[in-house]
Amino acid sequence: MNVCLIASTSFEINASGEKIADLSRRGKFRISTLVSGVGIMAATHCITREIERNRPDFLVQAGVAGSFSDQYPPGTLVAVSHDLVADTCVKESIGYRHLTDMGLQPDAFPYRNGWLENKGPFPDNIPIVKGITVNEISTDSEKTAWFREKYGAVTESMEGAALHFAALSAGIPFIQLRTISNMVGERDKENWQLKEAITLLNHQLPNLLENILQQWNSR
């Protein structure tokens, strides 16, 4: 089983590299890593190219994210089941409107009820949440409030929807794993827990990978 582990930056997964290599050596899984770059366009291009060239059996995206919810503070590890690009929108006198609200993004494959939905499998012991993907890290309070009210999402990233779109379009099973590094809208990066979030991700990632892949193999 060929598995591709994807991160937007190498430092998000470097610390678990040896353990993941050991998992690959002793298991039934051949795990390669892919650094996609930051942002929706870079990630979509890189993941799609990997699919076209190597056709992995399973895609895993791992990285950090912001949180909209106090129930999921920095230091929380989650899996994202639903994602979309949230800031393809326009601001009108009545507020923000997404492309779907204007009829410019049809609710057709790979979308389902407006979302890019992953039906699993998911790890047994971490929360499964909705996420959104943005081009600009949210700091504006009005837009942040709109995201929270409209989507009810927990996480905000800059690459998650790229994975969901590419994997669903190609029919390849996948999972998006995130550790929370900050609350969305927090402008003072001194309050972010980026280093701690990356440490937690790398500590948990090898076991999570093994759990997910064993579940998939047993289906």
N, C-alpha and C. Protein backbone atom coordinates (compact mmCIF):
# COMPACT_ATOMS: atom_id res chain seq x y z
N MET A 1 0.85 -1.19 0.00
CA MET A 1 0.00 0.00 0.00
C MET A 1 0.88 1.24 0.00
N ASN A 2 0.75 2.07 -1.01
CA ASN A 2 1.55 3.28 -1.13
C ASN A 2 0.81 4.46 -0.52
N VAL A 3 1.44 5.08 0.47
CA VAL A 3 0.84 6.18 1.21
C VAL A 3 1.70 7.42 1.01
N CYS A 4 1.06 8.55 0.75
CA CYS A 4 1.77 9.82 0.62
C CYS A 4 1.39 10.71 1.78
N LEU A 5 2.40 11.11 2.57
CA LEU A 5 2.21 12.03 3.70
C LEU A 5 2.56 13.43 3.22
N ILE A 6 1.60 14.35 3.34
CA ILE A 6 1.72 15.68 2.77
C ILE A 6 1.73 16.73 3.89
N ALA A 7 2.64 17.69 3.77
CA ALA A 7 2.65 18.84 4.66
C ALA A 7 2.96 20.08 3.84
N SER A 8 2.49 21.22 4.29
CA SER A 8 2.76 22.44 3.54
C SER A 8 4.20 22.88 3.69
N THR A 9 4.81 22.58 4.86
CA THR A 9 6.21 22.91 5.14
C THR A 9 6.89 21.70 5.76
N SER A 10 8.17 21.55 5.51
CA SER A 10 8.88 20.37 6.01
C SER A 10 8.97 20.35 7.53
N PHE A 11 9.05 21.53 8.18
CA PHE A 11 9.24 21.52 9.63
C PHE A 11 8.01 21.03 10.38
N GLU A 12 6.85 20.94 9.70
CA GLU A 12 5.65 20.43 10.36
C GLU A 12 5.72 18.92 10.60
N ILE A 13 6.52 18.20 9.82
CA ILE A 13 6.57 16.74 9.97
C ILE A 13 7.98 16.18 10.12
N ASN A 14 9.00 17.03 10.08
CA ASN A 14 10.38 16.54 10.12
C ASN A 14 10.69 15.71 11.35
N ALA A 15 10.20 16.12 12.51
CA ALA A 15 10.59 15.47 13.75
C ALA A 15 10.11 14.03 13.86
N SER A 16 9.08 13.67 13.11
CA SER A 16 8.57 12.29 13.16
C SER A 16 9.11 11.44 12.01
N GLY A 17 10.04 12.00 11.24
CA GLY A 17 10.51 11.32 10.03
C GLY A 17 11.07 9.94 10.26
N GLU A 18 11.89 9.76 11.30
CA GLU A 18 12.51 8.46 11.53
C GLU A 18 11.49 7.42 11.96
N LYS A 19 10.56 7.82 12.81
CA LYS A 19 9.52 6.88 13.27
C LYS A 19 8.60 6.48 12.11
N ILE A 20 8.31 7.43 11.24
CA ILE A 20 7.47 7.11 10.08
C ILE A 20 8.22 6.20 9.12
N ALA A 21 9.52 6.44 8.95
CA ALA A 21 10.33 5.56 8.10
C ALA A 21 10.37 4.15 8.68
N ASP A 22 10.44 4.05 10.01
CA ASP A 22 10.44 2.74 10.66
C ASP A 22 9.10 2.04 10.47
N LEU A 23 8.01 2.80 10.57
CA LEU A 23 6.68 2.24 10.31
C LEU A 23 6.59 1.71 8.89
N SER A 24 7.16 2.45 7.96
CA SER A 24 7.15 2.03 6.56
C SER A 24 7.96 0.75 6.37
N ARG A 25 9.11 0.65 7.07
CA ARG A 25 9.98 -0.52 6.91
C ARG A 25 9.35 -1.79 7.48
N ARG A 26 8.68 -1.67 8.61
CA ARG A 26 8.21 -2.89 9.29
C ARG A 26 6.75 -3.23 8.98
N GLY A 27 6.04 -2.34 8.31
CA GLY A 27 4.63 -2.58 8.05
C GLY A 27 4.36 -2.95 6.61
N LYS A 28 3.10 -2.92 6.27
CA LYS A 28 2.66 -3.23 4.91
C LYS A 28 2.51 -1.96 4.08
N PHE A 29 3.05 -0.87 4.61
CA PHE A 29 2.83 0.43 3.98
C PHE A 29 4.16 1.01 3.51
N ARG A 30 4.16 1.54 2.31
CA ARG A 30 5.29 2.31 1.80
C ARG A 30 4.90 3.78 1.89
N ILE A 31 5.55 4.52 2.80
CA ILE A 31 5.16 5.90 3.07
C ILE A 31 6.19 6.86 2.49
N SER A 32 5.74 7.69 1.58
CA SER A 32 6.58 8.75 1.03
C SER A 32 6.07 10.09 1.57
N THR A 33 6.92 11.10 1.54
CA THR A 33 6.52 12.42 2.02
C THR A 33 6.54 13.43 0.88
N LEU A 34 5.67 14.42 0.99
CA LEU A 34 5.53 15.44 -0.04
C LEU A 34 5.34 16.79 0.65
N VAL A 35 6.21 17.76 0.36
CA VAL A 35 6.06 19.12 0.86
C VAL A 35 5.40 19.93 -0.25
N SER A 36 4.16 20.35 0.00
CA SER A 36 3.35 20.94 -1.06
C SER A 36 3.58 22.43 -1.25
N GLY A 37 4.12 23.10 -0.22
CA GLY A 37 4.18 24.55 -0.24
C GLY A 37 2.94 25.12 0.42
N VAL A 38 3.01 26.40 0.76
CA VAL A 38 1.93 27.06 1.50
C VAL A 38 0.91 27.66 0.54
N GLY A 39 -0.36 27.48 0.85
CA GLY A 39 -1.41 28.10 0.06
C GLY A 39 -2.17 27.13 -0.81
N ILE A 40 -3.36 27.55 -1.22
CA ILE A 40 -4.28 26.67 -1.95
C ILE A 40 -3.73 26.28 -3.32
N MET A 41 -3.22 27.25 -4.08
CA MET A 41 -2.75 26.94 -5.44
C MET A 41 -1.55 26.00 -5.41
N ALA A 42 -0.57 26.29 -4.55
CA ALA A 42 0.62 25.45 -4.47
C ALA A 42 0.25 24.03 -4.07
N ALA A 43 -0.62 23.91 -3.07
CA ALA A 43 -1.00 22.58 -2.58
C ALA A 43 -1.80 21.81 -3.62
N THR A 44 -2.74 22.46 -4.28
CA THR A 44 -3.55 21.77 -5.29
C THR A 44 -2.67 21.27 -6.43
N HIS A 45 -1.77 22.12 -6.91
CA HIS A 45 -0.87 21.71 -7.99
C HIS A 45 0.01 20.54 -7.57
N CYS A 46 0.60 20.65 -6.40
CA CYS A 46 1.56 19.64 -5.95
C CYS A 46 0.87 18.29 -5.71
N ILE A 47 -0.28 18.32 -5.07
CA ILE A 47 -1.00 17.07 -4.78
C ILE A 47 -1.51 16.44 -6.07
N THR A 48 -2.06 17.25 -6.97
CA THR A 48 -2.56 16.72 -8.24
C THR A 48 -1.43 16.11 -9.06
N ARG A 49 -0.27 16.77 -9.08
CA ARG A 49 0.89 16.22 -9.81
C ARG A 49 1.33 14.89 -9.20
N GLU A 50 1.32 14.78 -7.87
CA GLU A 50 1.68 13.52 -7.22
C GLU A 50 0.70 12.41 -7.59
N ILE A 51 -0.57 12.73 -7.64
CA ILE A 51 -1.57 11.74 -8.02
C ILE A 51 -1.35 11.28 -9.46
N GLU A 52 -1.09 12.22 -10.36
CA GLU A 52 -0.91 11.86 -11.76
C GLU A 52 0.35 11.04 -11.99
N ARG A 53 1.42 11.35 -11.24
CA ARG A 53 2.70 10.66 -11.46
C ARG A 53 2.76 9.31 -10.76
N ASN A 54 2.26 9.24 -9.53
CA ASN A 54 2.51 8.05 -8.70
C ASN A 54 1.25 7.33 -8.22
N ARG A 55 0.11 7.94 -8.35
CA ARG A 55 -1.17 7.35 -7.96
C ARG A 55 -1.10 6.64 -6.60
N PRO A 56 -0.89 7.38 -5.49
CA PRO A 56 -0.85 6.76 -4.16
C PRO A 56 -2.18 6.08 -3.84
N ASP A 57 -2.12 5.09 -2.96
CA ASP A 57 -3.34 4.42 -2.52
C ASP A 57 -4.06 5.21 -1.42
N PHE A 58 -3.31 6.05 -0.72
CA PHE A 58 -3.88 6.81 0.39
C PHE A 58 -3.09 8.10 0.57
N LEU A 59 -3.80 9.20 0.86
CA LEU A 59 -3.17 10.51 1.07
C LEU A 59 -3.43 10.97 2.50
N VAL A 60 -2.38 11.44 3.16
CA VAL A 60 -2.50 11.96 4.52
C VAL A 60 -1.89 13.36 4.54
N GLN A 61 -2.68 14.34 4.92
CA GLN A 61 -2.16 15.70 5.08
C GLN A 61 -2.06 16.00 6.58
N ALA A 62 -0.91 16.49 7.01
CA ALA A 62 -0.69 16.77 8.43
C ALA A 62 -0.12 18.18 8.58
N GLY A 63 -0.64 18.93 9.54
CA GLY A 63 -0.14 20.28 9.74
C GLY A 63 -0.85 20.96 10.89
N VAL A 64 -0.59 22.24 11.04
CA VAL A 64 -1.21 23.03 12.10
C VAL A 64 -2.38 23.83 11.54
N ALA A 65 -3.20 24.36 12.45
CA ALA A 65 -4.37 25.13 12.04
C ALA A 65 -4.76 26.07 13.16
N GLY A 66 -5.56 27.08 12.80
CA GLY A 66 -6.20 27.91 13.80
C GLY A 66 -7.54 27.32 14.18
N SER A 67 -8.05 27.73 15.33
CA SER A 67 -9.34 27.23 15.82
C SER A 67 -10.33 28.37 16.01
N PHE A 68 -11.58 28.10 15.63
CA PHE A 68 -12.67 29.04 15.86
C PHE A 68 -13.37 28.80 17.20
N SER A 69 -13.10 27.66 17.81
CA SER A 69 -13.89 27.22 18.95
C SER A 69 -13.06 27.08 20.22
N ASP A 70 -13.60 27.61 21.32
CA ASP A 70 -12.93 27.46 22.61
C ASP A 70 -12.91 26.00 23.07
N GLN A 71 -13.75 25.18 22.48
CA GLN A 71 -13.75 23.75 22.82
C GLN A 71 -12.52 23.04 22.24
N TYR A 72 -11.86 23.69 21.29
CA TYR A 72 -10.68 23.11 20.65
C TYR A 72 -9.54 24.13 20.71
N PRO A 73 -8.95 24.30 21.89
CA PRO A 73 -7.91 25.31 22.08
C PRO A 73 -6.56 24.84 21.52
N PRO A 74 -5.56 25.71 21.51
CA PRO A 74 -4.22 25.27 21.12
C PRO A 74 -3.79 24.04 21.91
N GLY A 75 -3.18 23.11 21.18
CA GLY A 75 -2.78 21.85 21.78
C GLY A 75 -3.75 20.71 21.52
N THR A 76 -4.84 21.00 20.77
CA THR A 76 -5.82 19.97 20.42
C THR A 76 -5.47 19.35 19.07
N LEU A 77 -5.61 18.05 18.97
CA LEU A 77 -5.39 17.33 17.71
C LEU A 77 -6.73 16.89 17.16
N VAL A 78 -6.99 17.18 15.88
CA VAL A 78 -8.28 16.85 15.27
C VAL A 78 -8.06 16.26 13.88
N ALA A 79 -9.12 15.61 13.39
CA ALA A 79 -9.19 15.20 11.99
C ALA A 79 -10.33 15.98 11.34
N VAL A 80 -10.13 16.43 10.12
CA VAL A 80 -11.10 17.29 9.43
C VAL A 80 -11.90 16.45 8.43
N SER A 81 -13.21 16.43 8.61
CA SER A 81 -14.07 15.64 7.73
C SER A 81 -14.62 16.46 6.56
N HIS A 82 -14.92 17.73 6.80
CA HIS A 82 -15.49 18.61 5.77
C HIS A 82 -14.60 19.84 5.61
N ASP A 83 -14.40 20.26 4.37
CA ASP A 83 -13.60 21.46 4.13
C ASP A 83 -14.12 22.15 2.87
N LEU A 84 -13.76 23.41 2.72
CA LEU A 84 -14.07 24.18 1.52
C LEU A 84 -13.23 25.45 1.54
N VAL A 85 -13.13 26.11 0.39
CA VAL A 85 -12.46 27.41 0.33
C VAL A 85 -13.50 28.46 0.73
N ALA A 86 -13.32 29.05 1.91
CA ALA A 86 -14.36 29.89 2.49
C ALA A 86 -14.33 31.33 2.00
N ASP A 87 -13.17 31.81 1.55
CA ASP A 87 -13.10 33.24 1.22
C ASP A 87 -13.15 33.52 -0.27
N THR A 88 -13.71 32.58 -1.05
CA THR A 88 -14.10 32.92 -2.42
C THR A 88 -15.49 33.55 -2.32
N CYS A 89 -15.49 34.85 -2.02
CA CYS A 89 -16.72 35.51 -1.63
C CYS A 89 -16.68 36.98 -2.05
N VAL A 90 -17.79 37.65 -1.83
CA VAL A 90 -17.89 39.07 -2.09
C VAL A 90 -18.54 39.73 -0.88
N LYS A 91 -18.10 40.95 -0.56
CA LYS A 91 -18.73 41.71 0.51
C LYS A 91 -19.72 42.69 -0.10
N GLU A 92 -20.99 42.51 0.26
CA GLU A 92 -22.04 43.39 -0.22
C GLU A 92 -22.63 44.18 0.96
N SER A 93 -23.62 44.99 0.68
CA SER A 93 -24.21 45.82 1.75
C SER A 93 -24.84 44.97 2.84
N ILE A 94 -25.30 43.78 2.47
CA ILE A 94 -25.94 42.89 3.45
C ILE A 94 -24.92 42.00 4.15
N GLY A 95 -23.66 42.11 3.76
CA GLY A 95 -22.62 41.26 4.36
C GLY A 95 -21.93 40.42 3.31
N TYR A 96 -21.21 39.41 3.77
CA TYR A 96 -20.46 38.54 2.86
C TYR A 96 -21.37 37.51 2.22
N ARG A 97 -21.05 37.18 0.97
CA ARG A 97 -21.75 36.09 0.27
C ARG A 97 -20.71 35.22 -0.42
N HIS A 98 -20.86 33.91 -0.25
CA HIS A 98 -19.95 32.94 -0.88
C HIS A 98 -20.39 32.69 -2.33
N LEU A 99 -19.48 32.13 -3.13
CA LEU A 99 -19.81 31.80 -4.52
C LEU A 99 -21.05 30.92 -4.63
N THR A 100 -21.20 29.99 -3.68
CA THR A 100 -22.37 29.10 -3.73
C THR A 100 -23.66 29.89 -3.52
N ASP A 101 -23.60 30.94 -2.69
CA ASP A 101 -24.79 31.77 -2.46
C ASP A 101 -25.20 32.52 -3.72
N MET A 102 -24.23 32.79 -4.59
CA MET A 102 -24.50 33.53 -5.83
C MET A 102 -24.73 32.61 -7.03
N GLY A 103 -24.72 31.31 -6.79
CA GLY A 103 -24.94 30.35 -7.86
C GLY A 103 -23.76 30.18 -8.79
N LEU A 104 -22.58 30.64 -8.36
CA LEU A 104 -21.40 30.57 -9.22
C LEU A 104 -20.56 29.32 -8.98
N GLN A 105 -20.88 28.57 -7.93
CA GLN A 105 -20.20 27.29 -7.67
C GLN A 105 -21.27 26.22 -7.51
N PRO A 106 -21.52 25.44 -8.56
CA PRO A 106 -22.58 24.43 -8.49
C PRO A 106 -22.31 23.39 -7.39
N ASP A 107 -23.38 22.92 -6.79
CA ASP A 107 -23.25 21.86 -5.78
C ASP A 107 -23.20 20.51 -6.48
N ALA A 108 -22.08 20.27 -7.14
CA ALA A 108 -21.89 19.04 -7.91
C ALA A 108 -20.54 18.44 -7.55
N PHE A 109 -20.34 17.17 -7.88
CA PHE A 109 -19.11 16.46 -7.56
C PHE A 109 -17.88 17.32 -7.92
N PRO A 110 -16.90 17.40 -7.01
CA PRO A 110 -16.75 16.64 -5.76
C PRO A 110 -17.43 17.26 -4.54
N TYR A 111 -18.25 18.29 -4.74
CA TYR A 111 -18.94 18.91 -3.61
C TYR A 111 -20.19 18.12 -3.24
N ARG A 112 -20.52 18.19 -1.95
CA ARG A 112 -21.73 17.56 -1.45
C ARG A 112 -22.33 18.51 -0.42
N ASN A 113 -23.50 19.06 -0.75
CA ASN A 113 -24.11 20.08 0.12
C ASN A 113 -23.15 21.24 0.39
N GLY A 114 -22.40 21.59 -0.65
CA GLY A 114 -21.48 22.72 -0.56
C GLY A 114 -20.12 22.42 0.03
N TRP A 115 -19.94 21.21 0.56
CA TRP A 115 -18.70 20.84 1.24
C TRP A 115 -17.92 19.81 0.44
N LEU A 116 -16.61 19.78 0.68
CA LEU A 116 -15.74 18.71 0.20
C LEU A 116 -15.62 17.73 1.37
N GLU A 117 -16.38 16.65 1.30
CA GLU A 117 -16.58 15.78 2.46
C GLU A 117 -15.77 14.49 2.37
N ASN A 118 -15.07 14.20 3.46
CA ASN A 118 -14.36 12.94 3.60
C ASN A 118 -15.17 12.04 4.52
N LYS A 119 -15.51 10.84 4.07
CA LYS A 119 -16.31 9.93 4.88
C LYS A 119 -15.47 8.95 5.70
N GLY A 120 -14.16 9.14 5.71
CA GLY A 120 -13.32 8.30 6.56
C GLY A 120 -12.58 7.25 5.78
N PRO A 121 -11.82 6.39 6.49
CA PRO A 121 -11.85 6.16 7.94
C PRO A 121 -11.11 7.24 8.73
N PHE A 122 -11.47 7.36 10.01
CA PHE A 122 -10.85 8.31 10.92
C PHE A 122 -10.29 7.58 12.13
N PRO A 123 -9.28 8.16 12.78
CA PRO A 123 -8.75 7.56 14.01
C PRO A 123 -9.85 7.46 15.08
N ASP A 124 -9.68 6.51 15.96
CA ASP A 124 -10.71 6.25 16.97
C ASP A 124 -10.72 7.28 18.09
N ASN A 125 -9.60 7.92 18.35
CA ASN A 125 -9.45 8.63 19.62
C ASN A 125 -9.22 10.14 19.49
N ILE A 126 -9.57 10.74 18.33
CA ILE A 126 -9.45 12.19 18.21
C ILE A 126 -10.74 12.76 17.64
N PRO A 127 -11.05 14.03 17.95
CA PRO A 127 -12.29 14.64 17.45
C PRO A 127 -12.30 14.77 15.93
N ILE A 128 -13.48 14.61 15.35
CA ILE A 128 -13.68 14.80 13.92
C ILE A 128 -14.47 16.10 13.75
N VAL A 129 -13.93 17.05 12.99
CA VAL A 129 -14.51 18.39 12.92
C VAL A 129 -14.60 18.88 11.48
N LYS A 130 -15.33 19.97 11.30
CA LYS A 130 -15.35 20.67 10.02
C LYS A 130 -14.24 21.73 10.01
N GLY A 131 -13.72 21.99 8.81
CA GLY A 131 -12.69 23.01 8.66
C GLY A 131 -12.99 23.89 7.46
N ILE A 132 -12.33 25.04 7.42
CA ILE A 132 -12.37 25.88 6.22
C ILE A 132 -10.94 26.20 5.81
N THR A 133 -10.79 26.52 4.53
CA THR A 133 -9.50 26.89 3.97
C THR A 133 -9.59 28.32 3.44
N VAL A 134 -8.55 29.09 3.68
CA VAL A 134 -8.57 30.51 3.30
C VAL A 134 -7.26 30.88 2.59
N ASN A 135 -7.34 31.95 1.82
CA ASN A 135 -6.15 32.52 1.19
C ASN A 135 -5.42 33.47 2.12
N GLU A 136 -6.18 34.08 3.03
CA GLU A 136 -5.63 35.07 3.95
C GLU A 136 -5.96 34.65 5.38
N ILE A 137 -4.94 34.53 6.22
CA ILE A 137 -5.18 34.19 7.62
C ILE A 137 -6.12 35.22 8.22
N SER A 138 -7.17 34.76 8.87
CA SER A 138 -8.23 35.65 9.33
C SER A 138 -7.80 36.46 10.54
N THR A 139 -7.89 37.78 10.40
CA THR A 139 -7.68 38.67 11.54
C THR A 139 -8.82 39.67 11.67
N ASP A 140 -9.59 39.86 10.59
CA ASP A 140 -10.70 40.80 10.60
C ASP A 140 -11.87 40.21 11.40
N SER A 141 -12.34 40.92 12.40
CA SER A 141 -13.35 40.38 13.30
C SER A 141 -14.69 40.15 12.60
N GLU A 142 -15.02 41.01 11.64
CA GLU A 142 -16.29 40.85 10.92
C GLU A 142 -16.28 39.59 10.06
N LYS A 143 -15.19 39.40 9.34
CA LYS A 143 -15.11 38.21 8.49
C LYS A 143 -15.02 36.94 9.34
N THR A 144 -14.27 36.99 10.41
CA THR A 144 -14.15 35.84 11.30
C THR A 144 -15.51 35.45 11.86
N ALA A 145 -16.30 36.45 12.25
CA ALA A 145 -17.64 36.16 12.77
C ALA A 145 -18.52 35.53 11.69
N TRP A 146 -18.38 36.00 10.44
CA TRP A 146 -19.15 35.42 9.34
C TRP A 146 -18.75 33.97 9.10
N PHE A 147 -17.46 33.70 9.08
CA PHE A 147 -17.00 32.32 8.93
C PHE A 147 -17.59 31.43 10.02
N ARG A 148 -17.53 31.90 11.25
CA ARG A 148 -17.99 31.10 12.38
C ARG A 148 -19.48 30.82 12.28
N GLU A 149 -20.25 31.86 11.93
CA GLU A 149 -21.71 31.71 11.87
C GLU A 149 -22.14 30.89 10.66
N LYS A 150 -21.56 31.16 9.50
CA LYS A 150 -22.00 30.50 8.27
C LYS A 150 -21.61 29.03 8.22
N TYR A 151 -20.38 28.72 8.60
CA TYR A 151 -19.86 27.38 8.37
C TYR A 151 -19.83 26.49 9.61
N GLY A 152 -19.83 27.08 10.79
CA GLY A 152 -19.74 26.26 12.00
C GLY A 152 -18.48 25.42 12.03
N ALA A 153 -17.44 25.93 11.40
CA ALA A 153 -16.19 25.17 11.31
C ALA A 153 -15.36 25.35 12.57
N VAL A 154 -14.50 24.38 12.81
CA VAL A 154 -13.57 24.44 13.94
C VAL A 154 -12.20 24.93 13.50
N THR A 155 -11.69 24.43 12.37
CA THR A 155 -10.33 24.75 11.96
C THR A 155 -10.29 25.70 10.77
N GLU A 156 -9.18 26.45 10.71
CA GLU A 156 -8.85 27.27 9.55
C GLU A 156 -7.43 26.95 9.12
N SER A 157 -7.29 26.56 7.86
CA SER A 157 -5.96 26.29 7.30
C SER A 157 -5.85 26.98 5.95
N MET A 158 -4.69 26.81 5.30
CA MET A 158 -4.49 27.40 3.98
C MET A 158 -4.31 26.36 2.89
N GLU A 159 -4.49 25.06 3.25
CA GLU A 159 -4.28 24.00 2.26
C GLU A 159 -5.28 22.84 2.33
N GLY A 160 -6.10 22.79 3.38
CA GLY A 160 -6.95 21.62 3.58
C GLY A 160 -7.88 21.31 2.43
N ALA A 161 -8.56 22.33 1.92
CA ALA A 161 -9.51 22.09 0.83
C ALA A 161 -8.82 21.61 -0.43
N ALA A 162 -7.55 21.97 -0.60
CA ALA A 162 -6.79 21.48 -1.77
C ALA A 162 -6.67 19.96 -1.73
N LEU A 163 -6.36 19.43 -0.56
CA LEU A 163 -6.31 17.97 -0.41
C LEU A 163 -7.66 17.35 -0.71
N HIS A 164 -8.71 17.86 -0.09
CA HIS A 164 -10.04 17.28 -0.27
C HIS A 164 -10.46 17.31 -1.73
N PHE A 165 -10.25 18.45 -2.40
CA PHE A 165 -10.66 18.58 -3.80
C PHE A 165 -9.90 17.61 -4.69
N ALA A 166 -8.57 17.57 -4.55
CA ALA A 166 -7.76 16.71 -5.41
C ALA A 166 -8.03 15.24 -5.16
N ALA A 167 -8.13 14.85 -3.89
CA ALA A 167 -8.33 13.44 -3.56
C ALA A 167 -9.72 12.96 -3.97
N LEU A 168 -10.74 13.74 -3.67
CA LEU A 168 -12.09 13.35 -4.07
C LEU A 168 -12.22 13.27 -5.58
N SER A 169 -11.64 14.23 -6.29
CA SER A 169 -11.71 14.24 -7.75
C SER A 169 -11.06 13.01 -8.35
N ALA A 170 -9.99 12.54 -7.71
CA ALA A 170 -9.25 11.39 -8.22
C ALA A 170 -9.74 10.07 -7.66
N GLY A 171 -10.64 10.12 -6.68
CA GLY A 171 -11.14 8.88 -6.09
C GLY A 171 -10.14 8.19 -5.19
N ILE A 172 -9.29 8.96 -4.51
CA ILE A 172 -8.27 8.39 -3.63
C ILE A 172 -8.64 8.68 -2.18
N PRO A 173 -8.66 7.66 -1.31
CA PRO A 173 -8.97 7.91 0.10
C PRO A 173 -7.92 8.79 0.75
N PHE A 174 -8.34 9.55 1.77
CA PHE A 174 -7.44 10.55 2.34
C PHE A 174 -7.88 10.90 3.75
N ILE A 175 -7.01 11.61 4.45
CA ILE A 175 -7.37 12.18 5.74
C ILE A 175 -6.56 13.44 5.97
N GLN A 176 -7.18 14.42 6.61
CA GLN A 176 -6.53 15.67 6.98
C GLN A 176 -6.42 15.72 8.51
N LEU A 177 -5.18 15.81 9.01
CA LEU A 177 -4.91 15.86 10.45
C LEU A 177 -4.36 17.24 10.80
N ARG A 178 -4.86 17.83 11.88
CA ARG A 178 -4.43 19.17 12.28
C ARG A 178 -4.24 19.24 13.80
N THR A 179 -3.19 19.94 14.21
CA THR A 179 -3.07 20.34 15.60
C THR A 179 -3.29 21.84 15.68
N ILE A 180 -4.00 22.27 16.71
CA ILE A 180 -4.36 23.67 16.85
C ILE A 180 -3.17 24.44 17.45
N SER A 181 -2.77 25.50 16.75
CA SER A 181 -1.65 26.33 17.22
C SER A 181 -2.10 27.67 17.76
N ASN A 182 -3.31 28.10 17.40
CA ASN A 182 -3.77 29.44 17.79
C ASN A 182 -5.27 29.54 17.62
N MET A 183 -5.86 30.52 18.25
CA MET A 183 -7.26 30.84 18.02
C MET A 183 -7.35 31.77 16.82
N VAL A 184 -8.30 31.53 15.94
CA VAL A 184 -8.48 32.37 14.77
C VAL A 184 -8.79 33.80 15.21
N GLY A 185 -8.10 34.76 14.60
CA GLY A 185 -8.28 36.16 14.94
C GLY A 185 -7.27 36.69 15.92
N GLU A 186 -6.47 35.79 16.51
CA GLU A 186 -5.43 36.22 17.45
C GLU A 186 -4.27 36.83 16.66
N ARG A 187 -4.07 38.13 16.80
CA ARG A 187 -3.06 38.82 15.99
C ARG A 187 -1.67 38.77 16.61
N ASP A 188 -1.60 38.63 17.90
CA ASP A 188 -0.30 38.62 18.58
C ASP A 188 0.29 37.22 18.51
N LYS A 189 1.29 37.03 17.65
CA LYS A 189 1.86 35.70 17.47
C LYS A 189 2.61 35.21 18.70
N GLU A 190 2.87 36.10 19.64
CA GLU A 190 3.47 35.67 20.90
C GLU A 190 2.53 34.74 21.65
N ASN A 191 1.24 34.85 21.35
CA ASN A 191 0.24 33.99 21.99
C ASN A 191 -0.01 32.70 21.24
N TRP A 192 0.55 32.57 20.05
CA TRP A 192 0.42 31.33 19.30
C TRP A 192 1.31 30.26 19.93
N GLN A 193 0.87 29.02 19.81
CA GLN A 193 1.64 27.89 20.33
C GLN A 193 2.08 27.00 19.16
N LEU A 194 2.76 27.62 18.20
CA LEU A 194 3.16 26.92 16.99
C LEU A 194 4.14 25.78 17.27
N LYS A 195 5.17 26.06 18.04
CA LYS A 195 6.16 25.04 18.35
C LYS A 195 5.54 23.87 19.10
N GLU A 196 4.68 24.18 20.07
CA GLU A 196 4.02 23.12 20.85
C GLU A 196 3.09 22.29 19.97
N ALA A 197 2.38 22.94 19.04
CA ALA A 197 1.46 22.22 18.16
C ALA A 197 2.22 21.27 17.24
N ILE A 198 3.35 21.72 16.72
CA ILE A 198 4.16 20.87 15.85
C ILE A 198 4.74 19.70 16.63
N THR A 199 5.17 19.95 17.86
CA THR A 199 5.70 18.88 18.70
C THR A 199 4.64 17.81 18.95
N LEU A 200 3.42 18.25 19.28
CA LEU A 200 2.33 17.31 19.51
C LEU A 200 2.01 16.52 18.25
N LEU A 201 1.94 17.20 17.12
CA LEU A 201 1.64 16.53 15.86
C LEU A 201 2.65 15.43 15.57
N ASN A 202 3.92 15.73 15.72
CA ASN A 202 4.96 14.74 15.43
C ASN A 202 4.99 13.60 16.44
N HIS A 203 4.60 13.89 17.67
CA HIS A 203 4.53 12.83 18.68
C HIS A 203 3.42 11.84 18.36
N GLN A 204 2.29 12.34 17.87
CA GLN A 204 1.12 11.50 17.63
C GLN A 204 1.08 10.89 16.23
N LEU A 205 1.75 11.51 15.28
CA LEU A 205 1.58 11.17 13.87
C LEU A 205 1.88 9.70 13.53
N PRO A 206 3.00 9.12 13.97
CA PRO A 206 3.27 7.72 13.61
C PRO A 206 2.17 6.76 14.07
N ASN A 207 1.69 6.91 15.30
CA ASN A 207 0.63 6.03 15.79
C ASN A 207 -0.68 6.26 15.05
N LEU A 208 -0.97 7.53 14.75
CA LEU A 208 -2.19 7.83 14.00
C LEU A 208 -2.14 7.22 12.61
N LEU A 209 -1.01 7.35 11.96
CA LEU A 209 -0.86 6.74 10.63
C LEU A 209 -1.09 5.24 10.68
N GLU A 210 -0.50 4.60 11.65
CA GLU A 210 -0.64 3.14 11.77
C GLU A 210 -2.10 2.77 12.01
N ASN A 211 -2.77 3.51 12.89
CA ASN A 211 -4.17 3.25 13.19
C ASN A 211 -5.05 3.42 11.96
N ILE A 212 -4.85 4.53 11.24
CA ILE A 212 -5.68 4.82 10.06
C ILE A 212 -5.47 3.77 8.99
N LEU A 213 -4.23 3.43 8.72
CA LEU A 213 -3.93 2.50 7.62
C LEU A 213 -4.36 1.08 7.95
N GLN A 214 -4.27 0.70 9.21
CA GLN A 214 -4.77 -0.62 9.60
C GLN A 214 -6.29 -0.68 9.42
N GLN A 215 -6.97 0.39 9.80
CA GLN A 215 -8.43 0.45 9.58
C GLN A 215 -8.76 0.30 8.10
N TRP A 216 -8.02 1.02 7.27
CA TRP A 216 -8.31 0.98 5.83
C TRP A 216 -8.04 -0.40 5.26
N ASN A 217 -6.97 -1.03 5.68
CA ASN A 217 -6.63 -2.36 5.17
C ASN A 217 -7.65 -3.42 5.59
N SER A 218 -8.30 -3.20 6.73
CA SER A 218 -9.23 -4.20 7.24
C SER A 218 -10.63 -4.05 6.65
N ARG A 219 -10.85 -3.01 5.85
CA ARG A 219 -12.19 -2.79 5.26
C ARG A 219 -12.49 -3.81 4.18
